[in-house]
C-alpha cells in the first residue's frame, strides 16, 4: 500500500514541474516569434524598420466537430510593440498559462494600425 501511494505522488509531481514539448520558432526577414514551452511564454521580435509591427498568436489543435480537427486561435494579440514584458535584446513577450500537453503552434504576421498585412505564417507543432 505504501509503495503504490509513493508512485502516485511521484508521478503527479513529475508532470507538473516541466514542459512537455520543445520550443518552436517561426522566423521571417521582418520578424520572429518563439513559443517557449517551459513557462508558456510567446517571444516576439520585429526585425525590420518598415513601419509594421509583428503580431504573434498561439493556435491549438482541437476537435471542431464530431469527426474533424483544425487549428484554432488560442491566444492572440501578442505584439512586439505592445507587450508589457521587454528584454534587452529586442524581444517582447507575453506570458500565458496553457493546458499541459495541448498540441500548439505559434504564428506571426505583420500588421499596421490593427490591419493585417499578408497571411499568417506558422511554426511546426509542439506540446504545451
C-alpha atoms as a PDB file:
ATOM      1  CA  UNK A   1       0.000   0.000   0.000  1.00  0.00           C
ATOM      2  CA  UNK A   2       2.800   2.441   0.848  1.00  0.00           C
ATOM      3  CA  UNK A   3       4.641   1.707  -2.409  1.00  0.00           C
ATOM      4  CA  UNK A   4       1.527   2.403  -4.500  1.00  0.00           C
ATOM      5  CA  UNK A   5       0.979   5.739  -2.741  1.00  0.00           C
ATOM      6  CA  UNK A   6       4.593   6.752  -3.393  1.00  0.00           C
ATOM      7  CA  UNK A   7       4.279   6.029  -7.099  1.00  0.00           C
ATOM      8  CA  UNK A   8       1.151   8.148  -7.387  1.00  0.00           C
ATOM      9  CA  UNK A   9       2.748  11.095  -5.605  1.00  0.00           C
ATOM     10  CA  UNK A  10       5.969  10.981  -7.642  1.00  0.00           C
ATOM     11  CA  UNK A  11       4.045  10.564 -10.918  1.00  0.00           C
ATOM     12  CA  UNK A  12       1.869  13.570 -10.116  1.00  0.00           C
ATOM     13  CA  UNK A  13       4.800  15.843  -9.337  1.00  0.00           C
ATOM     14  CA  UNK A  14       6.829  14.960 -12.444  1.00  0.00           C
ATOM     15  CA  UNK A  15       4.148  16.102 -14.900  1.00  0.00           C
ATOM     16  CA  UNK A  16       3.520  19.460 -13.307  1.00  0.00           C
ATOM     17  CA  UNK A  17       7.124  20.614 -12.989  1.00  0.00           C
ATOM     18  CA  UNK A  18       8.291  20.534 -16.604  1.00  0.00           C
ATOM     19  CA  UNK A  19       7.228  21.411 -20.120  1.00  0.00           C
ATOM     20  CA  UNK A  20       6.030  18.661 -22.426  1.00  0.00           C
ATOM     21  CA  UNK A  21       7.359  19.747 -25.801  1.00  0.00           C
ATOM     22  CA  UNK A  22      10.233  21.628 -27.360  1.00  0.00           C
ATOM     23  CA  UNK A  23      10.354  25.349 -28.069  1.00  0.00           C
ATOM     24  CA  UNK A  24       9.178  26.287 -31.579  1.00  0.00           C
ATOM     25  CA  UNK A  25      10.173  29.323 -33.641  1.00  0.00           C
ATOM     26  CA  UNK A  26       8.767  30.888 -36.771  1.00  0.00           C
ATOM     27  CA  UNK A  27      11.025  33.432 -38.431  1.00  0.00           C
ATOM     28  CA  UNK A  28      10.911  35.677 -41.483  1.00  0.00           C
ATOM     29  CA  UNK A  29      13.161  38.568 -42.541  1.00  0.00           C
ATOM     30  CA  UNK A  30      10.713  41.014 -40.926  1.00  0.00           C
ATOM     31  CA  UNK A  31      10.165  39.237 -37.593  1.00  0.00           C
ATOM     32  CA  UNK A  32      10.407  36.241 -35.311  1.00  0.00           C
ATOM     33  CA  UNK A  33       8.276  34.553 -32.673  1.00  0.00           C
ATOM     34  CA  UNK A  34       9.257  31.740 -30.329  1.00  0.00           C
ATOM     35  CA  UNK A  35       6.923  29.784 -28.077  1.00  0.00           C
ATOM     36  CA  UNK A  36       8.863  28.667 -25.001  1.00  0.00           C
ATOM     37  CA  UNK A  37       7.117  25.643 -23.559  1.00  0.00           C
ATOM     38  CA  UNK A  38       8.637  25.988 -20.112  1.00  0.00           C
ATOM     39  CA  UNK A  39       6.697  28.949 -18.726  1.00  0.00           C
ATOM     40  CA  UNK A  40       4.308  29.192 -21.708  1.00  0.00           C
ATOM     41  CA  UNK A  41       5.919  32.394 -22.993  1.00  0.00           C
ATOM     42  CA  UNK A  42       5.490  33.768 -26.505  1.00  0.00           C
ATOM     43  CA  UNK A  43       8.519  35.892 -27.504  1.00  0.00           C
ATOM     44  CA  UNK A  44       8.135  38.353 -30.413  1.00  0.00           C
ATOM     45  CA  UNK A  45      10.701  40.489 -32.240  1.00  0.00           C
ATOM     46  CA  UNK A  46      10.365  42.948 -35.119  1.00  0.00           C
ATOM     47  CA  UNK A  47      13.437  42.681 -37.374  1.00  0.00           C
ATOM     48  CA  UNK A  48      12.605  45.305 -39.979  1.00  0.00           C
ATOM     49  CA  UNK A  49      12.186  49.071 -39.640  1.00  0.00           C
ATOM     50  CA  UNK A  50       9.358  49.141 -42.196  1.00  0.00           C
ATOM     51  CA  UNK A  51       6.565  50.791 -40.187  1.00  0.00           C
ATOM     52  CA  UNK A  52       4.820  47.465 -39.472  1.00  0.00           C
ATOM     53  CA  UNK A  53       4.538  45.622 -36.171  1.00  0.00           C
ATOM     54  CA  UNK A  54       4.894  41.887 -35.745  1.00  0.00           C
ATOM     55  CA  UNK A  55       1.878  40.168 -34.221  1.00  0.00           C
ATOM     56  CA  UNK A  56       2.079  36.645 -32.845  1.00  0.00           C
ATOM     57  CA  UNK A  57      -0.519  34.157 -31.695  1.00  0.00           C
ATOM     58  CA  UNK A  58      -0.743  30.629 -30.379  1.00  0.00           C
ATOM     59  CA  UNK A  59      -3.052  28.162 -32.079  1.00  0.00           C
ATOM     60  CA  UNK A  60      -4.316  24.916 -30.576  1.00  0.00           C
ATOM     61  CA  UNK A  61      -5.093  21.706 -32.484  1.00  0.00           C
ATOM     62  CA  UNK A  62      -8.616  20.832 -31.415  1.00  0.00           C
ATOM     63  CA  UNK A  63     -11.692  18.934 -32.431  1.00  0.00           C
ATOM     64  CA  UNK A  64     -14.109  21.267 -34.246  1.00  0.00           C
ATOM     65  CA  UNK A  65     -16.922  18.780 -34.821  1.00  0.00           C
ATOM     66  CA  UNK A  66     -17.621  15.085 -34.433  1.00  0.00           C
ATOM     67  CA  UNK A  67     -15.026  13.918 -36.952  1.00  0.00           C
ATOM     68  CA  UNK A  68     -12.842  16.916 -37.807  1.00  0.00           C
ATOM     69  CA  UNK A  69      -9.833  18.619 -36.222  1.00  0.00           C
ATOM     70  CA  UNK A  70      -8.401  22.049 -37.032  1.00  0.00           C
ATOM     71  CA  UNK A  71      -6.013  24.743 -35.823  1.00  0.00           C
ATOM     72  CA  UNK A  72      -7.989  27.240 -33.731  1.00  0.00           C
ATOM     73  CA  UNK A  73      -6.733  30.561 -32.325  1.00  0.00           C
ATOM     74  CA  UNK A  74      -5.983  30.028 -28.650  1.00  0.00           C
ATOM     75  CA  UNK A  75      -4.070  33.138 -27.503  1.00  0.00           C
ATOM     76  CA  UNK A  76      -3.833  36.222 -29.731  1.00  0.00           C
ATOM     77  CA  UNK A  77      -2.663  39.806 -29.528  1.00  0.00           C
ATOM     78  CA  UNK A  78       0.996  39.424 -28.634  1.00  0.00           C
ATOM     79  CA  UNK A  79       2.785  42.292 -30.440  1.00  0.00           C
ATOM     80  CA  UNK A  80       6.438  43.231 -30.483  1.00  0.00           C
ATOM     81  CA  UNK A  81       5.487  46.805 -29.517  1.00  0.00           C
ATOM     82  CA  UNK A  82       2.567  46.426 -27.117  1.00  0.00           C
ATOM     83  CA  UNK A  83       3.566  43.751 -24.646  1.00  0.00           C
ATOM     84  CA  UNK A  84       4.476  44.816 -21.148  1.00  0.00           C
ATOM     85  CA  UNK A  85       7.472  42.492 -20.773  1.00  0.00           C
ATOM     86  CA  UNK A  86      10.549  43.641 -22.694  1.00  0.00           C
ATOM     87  CA  UNK A  87      14.038  42.180 -22.889  1.00  0.00           C
ATOM     88  CA  UNK A  88      17.335  43.885 -23.650  1.00  0.00           C
ATOM     89  CA  UNK A  89      17.810  42.020 -26.967  1.00  0.00           C
ATOM     90  CA  UNK A  90      14.777  43.485 -28.758  1.00  0.00           C
ATOM     91  CA  UNK A  91      12.246  40.809 -27.836  1.00  0.00           C
ATOM     92  CA  UNK A  92       8.955  41.386 -26.086  1.00  0.00           C
ATOM     93  CA  UNK A  93       6.984  38.528 -24.601  1.00  0.00           C
ATOM     94  CA  UNK A  94       3.542  37.547 -23.441  1.00  0.00           C
ATOM     95  CA  UNK A  95       3.201  35.171 -20.501  1.00  0.00           C
ATOM     96  CA  UNK A  96       0.411  32.598 -20.791  1.00  0.00           C
ATOM     97  CA  UNK A  97      -0.835  29.643 -18.781  1.00  0.00           C
ATOM     98  CA  UNK A  98      -1.685  26.845 -21.224  1.00  0.00           C
ATOM     99  CA  UNK A  99      -3.063  23.386 -20.569  1.00  0.00           C
ATOM    100  CA  UNK A 100      -0.265  20.834 -20.236  1.00  0.00           C
ATOM    101  CA  UNK A 101       0.207  18.554 -23.277  1.00  0.00           C
ATOM    102  CA  UNK A 102      -2.063  20.563 -25.622  1.00  0.00           C
ATOM    103  CA  UNK A 103      -0.784  20.456 -29.206  1.00  0.00           C
ATOM    104  CA  UNK A 104       0.034  24.059 -30.142  1.00  0.00           C
ATOM    105  CA  UNK A 105       1.960  26.142 -32.662  1.00  0.00           C
ATOM    106  CA  UNK A 106       2.856  29.805 -32.990  1.00  0.00           C
ATOM    107  CA  UNK A 107       2.061  32.064 -35.935  1.00  0.00           C
ATOM    108  CA  UNK A 108       3.206  35.551 -36.983  1.00  0.00           C
ATOM    109  CA  UNK A 109       2.009  38.285 -39.314  1.00  0.00           C
ATOM    110  CA  UNK A 110       2.897  41.906 -39.968  1.00  0.00           C
ATOM    111  CA  UNK A 111       0.265  44.494 -39.103  1.00  0.00           C
ATOM    112  CA  UNK A 112      -0.210  48.244 -39.075  1.00  0.00           C
ATOM    113  CA  UNK A 113      -2.904  50.165 -37.185  1.00  0.00           C
ATOM    114  CA  UNK A 114      -4.641  46.877 -36.371  1.00  0.00           C
ATOM    115  CA  UNK A 115      -4.810  45.774 -40.022  1.00  0.00           C
ATOM    116  CA  UNK A 116      -3.082  42.546 -41.034  1.00  0.00           C
ATOM    117  CA  UNK A 117      -0.584  42.772 -43.896  1.00  0.00           C
ATOM    118  CA  UNK A 118      -0.132  39.385 -45.565  1.00  0.00           C
ATOM    119  CA  UNK A 119      -1.010  35.899 -44.390  1.00  0.00           C
ATOM    120  CA  UNK A 120      -0.265  34.250 -41.073  1.00  0.00           C
ATOM    121  CA  UNK A 121       2.868  32.063 -41.161  1.00  0.00           C
ATOM    122  CA  UNK A 122       3.039  29.247 -38.602  1.00  0.00           C
ATOM    123  CA  UNK A 123       5.674  27.100 -36.916  1.00  0.00           C
ATOM    124  CA  UNK A 124       5.798  23.368 -36.500  1.00  0.00           C
ATOM    125  CA  UNK A 125       3.677  21.976 -33.671  1.00  0.00           C
ATOM    126  CA  UNK A 126       4.775  21.204 -30.127  1.00  0.00           C
ATOM    127  CA  UNK A 127       3.251  20.202 -26.801  1.00  0.00           C
ATOM    128  CA  UNK A 128       2.462  22.926 -24.259  1.00  0.00           C
END
